[in-house]
Amino acid sequence: MWRPLSAFVLLAACASPAPEFFGAARRDVRLSGIDFAVWHDGSRAEVVRLTPLARARRLAVPPLMIQAVEAATGCRVRPGSVRTGMPGDTGEARMALDC
């Protein structure tokens, strides 16, 4: 019983990109005590929040996601290009870059 549970916990702790970002360069960034994984592939990026947060702390995350991508890639995020899997999601986002 412990082996399947241990495997699930280990897999849940790992961040992986969306399939279109497989092979993209990954950089980890910490901002305001929140860890992010950023994948950069040319003129686009994906960011995943790694730090679990209570709902009240998530309001500050969207601007930090943009800052994390810009810090990791050295590129500016195109205004209006941030897309999440679900509206208001602070766990992951994709965005277009001006490099």
N, C-alpha and C. Protein backbone atom coordinates (compact mmCIF):
# COMPACT_ATOMS: atom_id res chain seq x y z
N MET A 1 0.82 -1.20 0.00
CA MET A 1 0.00 0.00 0.00
C MET A 1 0.86 1.26 0.00
N TRP A 2 1.98 1.22 0.72
CA TRP A 2 2.83 2.40 0.81
C TRP A 2 3.54 2.73 -0.49
N ARG A 3 3.87 1.69 -1.27
CA ARG A 3 4.58 1.96 -2.53
C ARG A 3 3.75 2.78 -3.50
N PRO A 4 2.50 2.42 -3.78
CA PRO A 4 1.71 3.27 -4.68
C PRO A 4 1.52 4.68 -4.14
N LEU A 5 1.31 4.80 -2.84
CA LEU A 5 1.13 6.12 -2.24
C LEU A 5 2.41 6.93 -2.34
N SER A 6 3.55 6.31 -2.09
CA SER A 6 4.84 7.00 -2.20
C SER A 6 5.09 7.46 -3.63
N ALA A 7 4.78 6.61 -4.59
CA ALA A 7 4.97 6.97 -5.99
C ALA A 7 4.09 8.16 -6.36
N PHE A 8 2.85 8.15 -5.88
CA PHE A 8 1.95 9.27 -6.18
C PHE A 8 2.48 10.57 -5.60
N VAL A 9 2.94 10.54 -4.37
CA VAL A 9 3.47 11.74 -3.72
C VAL A 9 4.68 12.26 -4.47
N LEU A 10 5.58 11.38 -4.87
CA LEU A 10 6.76 11.81 -5.62
C LEU A 10 6.39 12.40 -6.97
N LEU A 11 5.46 11.80 -7.68
CA LEU A 11 5.05 12.33 -8.97
C LEU A 11 4.33 13.66 -8.83
N ALA A 12 3.53 13.81 -7.79
CA ALA A 12 2.82 15.07 -7.57
C ALA A 12 3.78 16.21 -7.27
N ALA A 13 4.93 15.90 -6.69
CA ALA A 13 5.90 16.93 -6.33
C ALA A 13 6.72 17.39 -7.54
N CYS A 14 6.68 16.65 -8.62
CA CYS A 14 7.46 17.00 -9.81
C CYS A 14 6.63 17.88 -10.73
N ALA A 15 7.24 18.86 -11.32
CA ALA A 15 6.57 19.70 -12.31
C ALA A 15 7.06 19.30 -13.68
N SER A 16 6.13 19.21 -14.60
CA SER A 16 6.52 18.94 -15.97
C SER A 16 5.74 19.88 -16.87
N PRO A 17 6.32 20.21 -18.02
CA PRO A 17 5.66 21.16 -18.90
C PRO A 17 4.56 20.49 -19.72
N ALA A 18 3.77 21.32 -20.37
CA ALA A 18 2.79 20.83 -21.33
C ALA A 18 3.55 20.17 -22.48
N PRO A 19 2.92 19.24 -23.19
CA PRO A 19 3.63 18.52 -24.26
C PRO A 19 4.33 19.43 -25.28
N GLU A 20 3.74 20.57 -25.60
CA GLU A 20 4.41 21.44 -26.59
C GLU A 20 5.68 22.09 -26.06
N PHE A 21 5.95 21.95 -24.76
CA PHE A 21 7.18 22.48 -24.18
C PHE A 21 8.18 21.39 -23.81
N PHE A 22 7.89 20.13 -24.18
CA PHE A 22 8.87 19.06 -23.96
C PHE A 22 10.14 19.42 -24.71
N GLY A 23 11.26 19.34 -24.06
CA GLY A 23 12.54 19.68 -24.68
C GLY A 23 12.92 21.14 -24.52
N ALA A 24 12.00 21.97 -24.00
CA ALA A 24 12.31 23.39 -23.80
C ALA A 24 13.23 23.54 -22.60
N ALA A 25 13.98 24.62 -22.58
CA ALA A 25 14.89 24.90 -21.47
C ALA A 25 14.09 25.24 -20.22
N ARG A 26 14.47 24.66 -19.08
CA ARG A 26 13.81 24.93 -17.80
C ARG A 26 14.73 25.73 -16.89
N ARG A 27 14.15 26.73 -16.24
CA ARG A 27 14.85 27.48 -15.20
C ARG A 27 13.91 27.62 -14.02
N ASP A 28 14.43 27.50 -12.82
CA ASP A 28 13.64 27.67 -11.61
C ASP A 28 13.90 29.06 -11.04
N VAL A 29 12.83 29.69 -10.59
CA VAL A 29 12.91 31.05 -10.07
C VAL A 29 12.13 31.12 -8.76
N ARG A 30 12.66 31.85 -7.78
CA ARG A 30 11.95 32.09 -6.52
C ARG A 30 11.73 33.59 -6.38
N LEU A 31 10.46 33.96 -6.20
CA LEU A 31 10.09 35.36 -5.99
C LEU A 31 9.13 35.44 -4.81
N SER A 32 9.39 36.34 -3.90
CA SER A 32 8.52 36.53 -2.73
C SER A 32 8.23 35.22 -2.00
N GLY A 33 9.22 34.35 -1.95
CA GLY A 33 9.06 33.08 -1.26
C GLY A 33 8.25 32.03 -2.01
N ILE A 34 7.96 32.28 -3.28
CA ILE A 34 7.19 31.35 -4.10
C ILE A 34 8.09 30.82 -5.20
N ASP A 35 8.13 29.49 -5.35
CA ASP A 35 8.96 28.85 -6.38
C ASP A 35 8.17 28.63 -7.65
N PHE A 36 8.83 28.92 -8.78
CA PHE A 36 8.24 28.73 -10.10
C PHE A 36 9.20 27.94 -10.98
N ALA A 37 8.66 27.11 -11.86
CA ALA A 37 9.43 26.47 -12.93
C ALA A 37 9.01 27.15 -14.22
N VAL A 38 9.99 27.56 -15.01
CA VAL A 38 9.72 28.26 -16.27
C VAL A 38 10.36 27.48 -17.41
N TRP A 39 9.56 27.19 -18.45
CA TRP A 39 10.07 26.57 -19.67
C TRP A 39 10.02 27.61 -20.77
N HIS A 40 11.13 27.74 -21.49
CA HIS A 40 11.27 28.77 -22.53
C HIS A 40 11.60 28.09 -23.85
N ASP A 41 10.80 28.39 -24.86
CA ASP A 41 10.99 27.80 -26.18
C ASP A 41 10.78 28.90 -27.22
N GLY A 42 11.85 29.56 -27.60
CA GLY A 42 11.76 30.62 -28.60
C GLY A 42 10.98 31.82 -28.11
N SER A 43 9.83 32.09 -28.73
CA SER A 43 9.06 33.28 -28.41
C SER A 43 7.87 32.98 -27.49
N ARG A 44 7.96 31.88 -26.74
CA ARG A 44 6.87 31.55 -25.81
C ARG A 44 7.44 30.88 -24.58
N ALA A 45 6.64 30.92 -23.51
CA ALA A 45 7.08 30.33 -22.25
C ALA A 45 5.88 29.76 -21.50
N GLU A 46 6.18 28.81 -20.64
CA GLU A 46 5.18 28.28 -19.72
C GLU A 46 5.77 28.39 -18.31
N VAL A 47 4.92 28.76 -17.35
CA VAL A 47 5.35 28.88 -15.97
C VAL A 47 4.40 28.06 -15.10
N VAL A 48 4.98 27.34 -14.13
CA VAL A 48 4.21 26.53 -13.18
C VAL A 48 4.62 26.94 -11.78
N ARG A 49 3.63 27.26 -10.95
CA ARG A 49 3.89 27.57 -9.55
C ARG A 49 4.13 26.26 -8.82
N LEU A 50 5.25 26.16 -8.12
CA LEU A 50 5.61 24.94 -7.41
C LEU A 50 5.22 24.98 -5.93
N THR A 51 5.11 26.16 -5.37
CA THR A 51 4.82 26.32 -3.95
C THR A 51 3.31 26.27 -3.71
N PRO A 52 2.85 25.35 -2.86
CA PRO A 52 1.42 25.34 -2.53
C PRO A 52 1.07 26.60 -1.73
N LEU A 53 -0.08 27.19 -2.03
CA LEU A 53 -0.50 28.42 -1.36
C LEU A 53 -1.97 28.35 -0.97
N ALA A 54 -2.30 28.97 0.15
CA ALA A 54 -3.70 29.14 0.53
C ALA A 54 -4.36 30.10 -0.45
N ARG A 55 -5.64 29.98 -0.62
CA ARG A 55 -6.37 30.79 -1.60
C ARG A 55 -6.11 32.29 -1.42
N ALA A 56 -6.06 32.77 -0.20
CA ALA A 56 -5.85 34.19 0.05
C ALA A 56 -4.51 34.69 -0.48
N ARG A 57 -3.50 33.85 -0.51
CA ARG A 57 -2.16 34.27 -0.99
C ARG A 57 -2.03 34.20 -2.50
N ARG A 58 -3.00 33.60 -3.19
CA ARG A 58 -2.89 33.42 -4.64
C ARG A 58 -3.14 34.69 -5.44
N LEU A 59 -3.73 35.70 -4.84
CA LEU A 59 -4.01 36.93 -5.59
C LEU A 59 -2.75 37.61 -6.10
N ALA A 60 -1.66 37.46 -5.38
CA ALA A 60 -0.40 38.10 -5.77
C ALA A 60 0.36 37.31 -6.83
N VAL A 61 -0.10 36.10 -7.17
CA VAL A 61 0.68 35.22 -8.03
C VAL A 61 0.74 35.64 -9.50
N PRO A 62 -0.35 36.06 -10.16
CA PRO A 62 -0.24 36.37 -11.60
C PRO A 62 0.87 37.35 -11.96
N PRO A 63 1.03 38.48 -11.25
CA PRO A 63 2.16 39.35 -11.62
C PRO A 63 3.52 38.70 -11.35
N LEU A 64 3.59 37.85 -10.32
CA LEU A 64 4.85 37.16 -10.03
C LEU A 64 5.18 36.15 -11.12
N MET A 65 4.17 35.54 -11.71
CA MET A 65 4.41 34.60 -12.81
C MET A 65 5.07 35.32 -13.99
N ILE A 66 4.58 36.50 -14.29
CA ILE A 66 5.17 37.29 -15.38
C ILE A 66 6.61 37.67 -15.03
N GLN A 67 6.83 38.11 -13.81
CA GLN A 67 8.19 38.46 -13.38
C GLN A 67 9.12 37.25 -13.44
N ALA A 68 8.61 36.08 -13.05
CA ALA A 68 9.42 34.86 -13.09
C ALA A 68 9.83 34.52 -14.52
N VAL A 69 8.90 34.63 -15.45
CA VAL A 69 9.20 34.34 -16.86
C VAL A 69 10.22 35.33 -17.39
N GLU A 70 10.04 36.60 -17.09
CA GLU A 70 10.98 37.60 -17.58
C GLU A 70 12.37 37.41 -16.97
N ALA A 71 12.43 37.05 -15.70
CA ALA A 71 13.73 36.81 -15.05
C ALA A 71 14.41 35.57 -15.64
N ALA A 72 13.63 34.53 -15.90
CA ALA A 72 14.21 33.28 -16.39
C ALA A 72 14.62 33.35 -17.85
N THR A 73 13.91 34.12 -18.64
CA THR A 73 14.16 34.13 -20.09
C THR A 73 14.95 35.34 -20.57
N GLY A 74 14.93 36.43 -19.81
CA GLY A 74 15.56 37.66 -20.27
C GLY A 74 14.73 38.37 -21.33
N CYS A 75 13.50 37.94 -21.52
CA CYS A 75 12.60 38.52 -22.52
C CYS A 75 11.42 39.19 -21.82
N ARG A 76 10.77 40.10 -22.53
CA ARG A 76 9.56 40.75 -22.01
C ARG A 76 8.34 39.92 -22.41
N VAL A 77 7.39 39.80 -21.49
CA VAL A 77 6.12 39.13 -21.79
C VAL A 77 5.26 40.10 -22.58
N ARG A 78 4.71 39.64 -23.69
CA ARG A 78 3.83 40.48 -24.50
C ARG A 78 2.55 40.79 -23.73
N PRO A 79 2.20 42.06 -23.62
CA PRO A 79 0.97 42.42 -22.92
C PRO A 79 -0.24 41.71 -23.52
N GLY A 80 -1.09 41.21 -22.65
CA GLY A 80 -2.31 40.54 -23.09
C GLY A 80 -2.13 39.12 -23.56
N SER A 81 -0.93 38.57 -23.46
CA SER A 81 -0.68 37.23 -24.00
C SER A 81 -0.78 36.12 -22.97
N VAL A 82 -0.96 36.45 -21.70
CA VAL A 82 -0.98 35.43 -20.65
C VAL A 82 -2.26 34.62 -20.74
N ARG A 83 -2.10 33.29 -20.82
CA ARG A 83 -3.23 32.36 -20.90
C ARG A 83 -3.07 31.29 -19.85
N THR A 84 -4.16 30.95 -19.18
CA THR A 84 -4.16 29.88 -18.20
C THR A 84 -5.09 28.77 -18.66
N GLY A 85 -4.87 27.58 -18.11
CA GLY A 85 -5.71 26.44 -18.46
C GLY A 85 -7.15 26.65 -18.04
N MET A 86 -7.34 27.26 -16.89
CA MET A 86 -8.67 27.59 -16.38
C MET A 86 -8.65 29.07 -16.01
N PRO A 87 -9.74 29.79 -16.22
CA PRO A 87 -9.74 31.22 -15.85
C PRO A 87 -9.37 31.42 -14.39
N GLY A 88 -8.45 32.34 -14.17
CA GLY A 88 -8.02 32.66 -12.82
C GLY A 88 -7.04 31.67 -12.20
N ASP A 89 -6.60 30.68 -12.96
CA ASP A 89 -5.67 29.68 -12.45
C ASP A 89 -4.35 30.34 -12.10
N THR A 90 -3.84 30.09 -10.91
CA THR A 90 -2.53 30.61 -10.51
C THR A 90 -1.50 29.50 -10.42
N GLY A 91 -1.83 28.33 -10.94
CA GLY A 91 -0.90 27.21 -10.90
C GLY A 91 -0.03 27.12 -12.14
N GLU A 92 -0.56 27.56 -13.28
CA GLU A 92 0.21 27.50 -14.52
C GLU A 92 -0.29 28.56 -15.48
N ALA A 93 0.60 28.98 -16.37
CA ALA A 93 0.23 29.96 -17.40
C ALA A 93 1.21 29.83 -18.56
N ARG A 94 0.73 30.21 -19.72
CA ARG A 94 1.57 30.29 -20.93
C ARG A 94 1.49 31.71 -21.44
N MET A 95 2.57 32.16 -22.05
CA MET A 95 2.60 33.53 -22.54
C MET A 95 3.56 33.67 -23.72
N ALA A 96 3.30 34.70 -24.52
CA ALA A 96 4.16 35.03 -25.65
C ALA A 96 5.23 36.01 -25.19
N LEU A 97 6.39 35.94 -25.83
CA LEU A 97 7.54 36.75 -25.44
C LEU A 97 8.03 37.63 -26.56
N ASP A 98 8.57 38.79 -26.20
CA ASP A 98 9.33 39.63 -27.11
C ASP A 98 10.79 39.50 -26.70
N CYS A 99 11.57 38.83 -27.54
CA CYS A 99 12.99 38.64 -27.20
C CYS A 99 13.87 39.45 -28.12
